[in-house]
N, C-alpha and C. Protein backbone atom coordinates (compact mmCIF):
# COMPACT_ATOMS: atom_id res chain seq x y z
N MET A 1 175.96 -108.05 109.41
CA MET A 1 175.46 -106.71 109.25
C MET A 1 174.46 -106.33 110.34
N ALA A 2 174.36 -107.07 111.37
CA ALA A 2 173.45 -106.75 112.45
C ALA A 2 173.80 -105.41 113.06
N GLY A 3 172.77 -104.63 113.38
CA GLY A 3 173.01 -103.34 114.00
C GLY A 3 173.33 -102.23 113.01
N GLN A 4 173.23 -102.49 111.74
CA GLN A 4 173.50 -101.47 110.73
C GLN A 4 172.23 -101.17 109.95
N THR A 5 172.16 -99.99 109.41
CA THR A 5 170.99 -99.57 108.64
C THR A 5 171.35 -99.55 107.17
N LYS A 6 170.49 -100.12 106.38
CA LYS A 6 170.70 -100.13 104.93
C LYS A 6 170.10 -98.86 104.36
N THR A 7 170.81 -98.26 103.41
CA THR A 7 170.32 -97.04 102.77
C THR A 7 170.73 -97.05 101.30
N THR A 8 170.14 -96.17 100.55
CA THR A 8 170.50 -96.01 99.15
C THR A 8 171.13 -94.65 98.98
N ILE A 9 172.27 -94.61 98.31
CA ILE A 9 172.90 -93.35 97.98
C ILE A 9 173.15 -93.31 96.49
N TYR A 10 173.24 -92.12 95.95
CA TYR A 10 173.50 -91.96 94.53
C TYR A 10 174.86 -91.28 94.39
N LEU A 11 175.74 -91.93 93.63
CA LEU A 11 177.08 -91.41 93.40
C LEU A 11 177.27 -91.14 91.92
N ALA A 12 178.07 -90.14 91.62
CA ALA A 12 178.43 -89.90 90.22
C ALA A 12 179.18 -91.14 89.73
N PRO A 13 179.01 -91.51 88.48
CA PRO A 13 179.65 -92.73 87.97
C PRO A 13 181.16 -92.76 88.19
N ASN A 14 181.84 -91.65 87.99
CA ASN A 14 183.29 -91.65 88.18
C ASN A 14 183.67 -91.79 89.66
N VAL A 15 182.83 -91.27 90.54
CA VAL A 15 183.09 -91.44 91.98
C VAL A 15 182.90 -92.90 92.37
N TYR A 16 181.85 -93.52 91.84
CA TYR A 16 181.60 -94.93 92.14
C TYR A 16 182.74 -95.82 91.64
N ARG A 17 183.22 -95.54 90.41
CA ARG A 17 184.34 -96.32 89.87
C ARG A 17 185.58 -96.17 90.76
N ALA A 18 185.87 -94.96 91.17
CA ALA A 18 187.03 -94.72 92.03
C ALA A 18 186.86 -95.45 93.36
N LEU A 19 185.65 -95.42 93.89
CA LEU A 19 185.37 -96.11 95.15
C LEU A 19 185.54 -97.62 95.00
N LYS A 20 185.10 -98.19 93.89
CA LYS A 20 185.28 -99.62 93.64
C LYS A 20 186.76 -99.98 93.56
N VAL A 21 187.53 -99.15 92.88
CA VAL A 21 188.97 -99.41 92.78
C VAL A 21 189.62 -99.34 94.15
N LYS A 22 189.27 -98.30 94.91
CA LYS A 22 189.85 -98.17 96.25
C LYS A 22 189.45 -99.36 97.12
N SER A 23 188.22 -99.80 97.00
CA SER A 23 187.75 -100.96 97.76
C SER A 23 188.57 -102.20 97.42
N ALA A 24 188.79 -102.40 96.14
CA ALA A 24 189.54 -103.59 95.71
C ALA A 24 191.01 -103.52 96.12
N THR A 25 191.59 -102.33 96.05
CA THR A 25 193.02 -102.21 96.35
C THR A 25 193.32 -102.15 97.84
N THR A 26 192.32 -101.80 98.64
CA THR A 26 192.55 -101.71 100.10
C THR A 26 191.95 -102.88 100.85
N ASP A 27 191.24 -103.73 100.13
CA ASP A 27 190.57 -104.88 100.74
C ASP A 27 189.56 -104.45 101.80
N ARG A 28 188.90 -103.31 101.56
CA ARG A 28 187.84 -102.81 102.43
C ARG A 28 186.56 -102.71 101.60
N SER A 29 185.44 -102.92 102.23
CA SER A 29 184.17 -102.85 101.50
C SER A 29 183.83 -101.39 101.18
N ILE A 30 182.98 -101.22 100.18
CA ILE A 30 182.51 -99.88 99.84
C ILE A 30 181.78 -99.28 101.04
N SER A 31 180.98 -100.08 101.71
CA SER A 31 180.27 -99.59 102.90
C SER A 31 181.25 -99.10 103.96
N ASP A 32 182.32 -99.85 104.17
CA ASP A 32 183.32 -99.46 105.16
C ASP A 32 183.98 -98.13 104.77
N LEU A 33 184.31 -97.98 103.51
CA LEU A 33 184.93 -96.74 103.04
C LEU A 33 183.98 -95.55 103.20
N ILE A 34 182.71 -95.74 102.85
CA ILE A 34 181.73 -94.65 102.98
C ILE A 34 181.52 -94.31 104.46
N ASN A 35 181.37 -95.33 105.31
CA ASN A 35 181.22 -95.08 106.74
C ASN A 35 182.41 -94.29 107.29
N ALA A 36 183.61 -94.67 106.90
CA ALA A 36 184.81 -93.98 107.38
C ALA A 36 184.82 -92.53 106.91
N ALA A 37 184.42 -92.29 105.67
CA ALA A 37 184.39 -90.92 105.14
C ALA A 37 183.36 -90.06 105.87
N VAL A 38 182.19 -90.63 106.13
CA VAL A 38 181.14 -89.88 106.83
C VAL A 38 181.57 -89.59 108.27
N ILE A 39 182.15 -90.57 108.93
CA ILE A 39 182.63 -90.37 110.30
C ILE A 39 183.69 -89.28 110.34
N GLU A 40 184.60 -89.27 109.37
CA GLU A 40 185.63 -88.24 109.32
C GLU A 40 185.02 -86.86 109.11
N ALA A 41 184.02 -86.75 108.25
CA ALA A 41 183.35 -85.47 108.02
C ALA A 41 182.66 -84.99 109.29
N LEU A 42 182.01 -85.90 110.01
CA LEU A 42 181.35 -85.54 111.27
C LEU A 42 182.37 -85.14 112.33
N ARG A 43 183.51 -85.82 112.36
CA ARG A 43 184.58 -85.48 113.30
C ARG A 43 185.09 -84.06 113.04
N GLU A 44 185.27 -83.73 111.76
CA GLU A 44 185.72 -82.38 111.40
C GLU A 44 184.69 -81.34 111.84
N ASP A 45 183.40 -81.64 111.65
CA ASP A 45 182.35 -80.72 112.09
C ASP A 45 182.41 -80.52 113.60
N ALA A 46 182.62 -81.60 114.34
CA ALA A 46 182.69 -81.51 115.79
C ALA A 46 183.88 -80.65 116.22
N LEU A 47 185.01 -80.81 115.55
CA LEU A 47 186.19 -79.98 115.86
C LEU A 47 185.93 -78.52 115.55
N ASP A 48 185.25 -78.25 114.44
CA ASP A 48 184.91 -76.87 114.09
C ASP A 48 184.01 -76.25 115.16
N LEU A 49 182.98 -76.99 115.58
CA LEU A 49 182.08 -76.48 116.61
C LEU A 49 182.81 -76.22 117.92
N GLU A 50 183.73 -77.11 118.26
CA GLU A 50 184.53 -76.93 119.48
C GLU A 50 185.37 -75.65 119.38
N ALA A 51 185.96 -75.41 118.23
CA ALA A 51 186.77 -74.20 118.03
C ALA A 51 185.90 -72.96 118.12
N PHE A 52 184.71 -73.01 117.54
CA PHE A 52 183.80 -71.87 117.62
C PHE A 52 183.43 -71.58 119.07
N GLU A 53 183.14 -72.63 119.83
CA GLU A 53 182.77 -72.44 121.24
C GLU A 53 183.91 -71.82 122.03
N LYS A 54 185.13 -72.27 121.78
CA LYS A 54 186.29 -71.73 122.49
C LYS A 54 186.50 -70.25 122.19
N ARG A 55 186.17 -69.83 120.96
CA ARG A 55 186.42 -68.46 120.54
C ARG A 55 185.20 -67.56 120.66
N ALA A 56 184.10 -68.08 121.16
CA ALA A 56 182.84 -67.33 121.19
C ALA A 56 182.96 -66.03 121.98
N LYS A 57 183.77 -66.00 123.02
CA LYS A 57 183.86 -64.82 123.87
C LYS A 57 184.99 -63.87 123.47
N GLU A 58 185.72 -64.21 122.40
CA GLU A 58 186.77 -63.32 121.94
C GLU A 58 186.14 -62.08 121.32
N PRO A 59 186.81 -60.95 121.46
CA PRO A 59 186.28 -59.74 120.83
C PRO A 59 186.32 -59.90 119.31
N SER A 60 185.40 -59.26 118.64
CA SER A 60 185.36 -59.36 117.19
C SER A 60 185.36 -57.96 116.58
N ARG A 61 185.73 -57.91 115.30
CA ARG A 61 185.71 -56.65 114.56
C ARG A 61 184.84 -56.86 113.34
N SER A 62 184.10 -55.84 112.99
CA SER A 62 183.25 -55.96 111.81
C SER A 62 184.12 -55.94 110.55
N PHE A 63 183.58 -56.48 109.50
CA PHE A 63 184.29 -56.48 108.23
C PHE A 63 184.54 -55.04 107.77
N GLU A 64 183.56 -54.19 108.00
CA GLU A 64 183.72 -52.78 107.62
C GLU A 64 184.91 -52.15 108.34
N LYS A 65 185.09 -52.47 109.63
CA LYS A 65 186.20 -51.94 110.40
C LYS A 65 187.53 -52.46 109.85
N VAL A 66 187.58 -53.71 109.47
CA VAL A 66 188.80 -54.28 108.90
C VAL A 66 189.15 -53.55 107.60
N LEU A 67 188.16 -53.34 106.73
CA LEU A 67 188.39 -52.61 105.49
C LEU A 67 188.87 -51.19 105.76
N GLU A 68 188.24 -50.55 106.72
CA GLU A 68 188.63 -49.19 107.10
C GLU A 68 190.10 -49.15 107.54
N ASP A 69 190.50 -50.10 108.36
CA ASP A 69 191.90 -50.16 108.84
C ASP A 69 192.87 -50.43 107.69
N LEU A 70 192.49 -51.30 106.77
CA LEU A 70 193.35 -51.58 105.62
C LEU A 70 193.51 -50.35 104.74
N LYS A 71 192.43 -49.60 104.54
CA LYS A 71 192.50 -48.37 103.77
C LYS A 71 193.39 -47.34 104.48
N ARG A 72 193.22 -47.22 105.78
CA ARG A 72 194.01 -46.27 106.58
C ARG A 72 195.50 -46.60 106.48
N ASP A 73 195.82 -47.90 106.45
CA ASP A 73 197.22 -48.33 106.39
C ASP A 73 197.76 -48.36 104.95
N GLY A 74 196.94 -47.95 104.00
CA GLY A 74 197.39 -47.90 102.61
C GLY A 74 197.48 -49.25 101.93
N LEU A 75 196.83 -50.24 102.49
CA LEU A 75 196.88 -51.57 101.91
C LEU A 75 195.74 -51.82 100.92
N LEU A 76 194.75 -50.94 100.92
CA LEU A 76 193.65 -51.02 99.95
C LEU A 76 193.53 -49.71 99.22
C-alpha cells in the first residue's frame, strides 16, 4: 500500500453489501473498485470540460429565444 492515502468513507448499507459482493465475484479489492469508480467519474468530468472548451466559441441562443421560436412554429 505504499504511495496510497488511507481515508474513511461512509456508504449506505445496501451499497456496501453490493460492493462486497462485486469485490468477491470479481476478485478485486473494495479499494480497487472505489478507485476505479472515482477515476472514471473524474475522466467523465475531464471529457465534459473538454467538450465545453471546444464549444465555447459557438454562437448561442437564449432559452427565451428558443421558446419564442417554438411558439412561432406552433410547437408550444
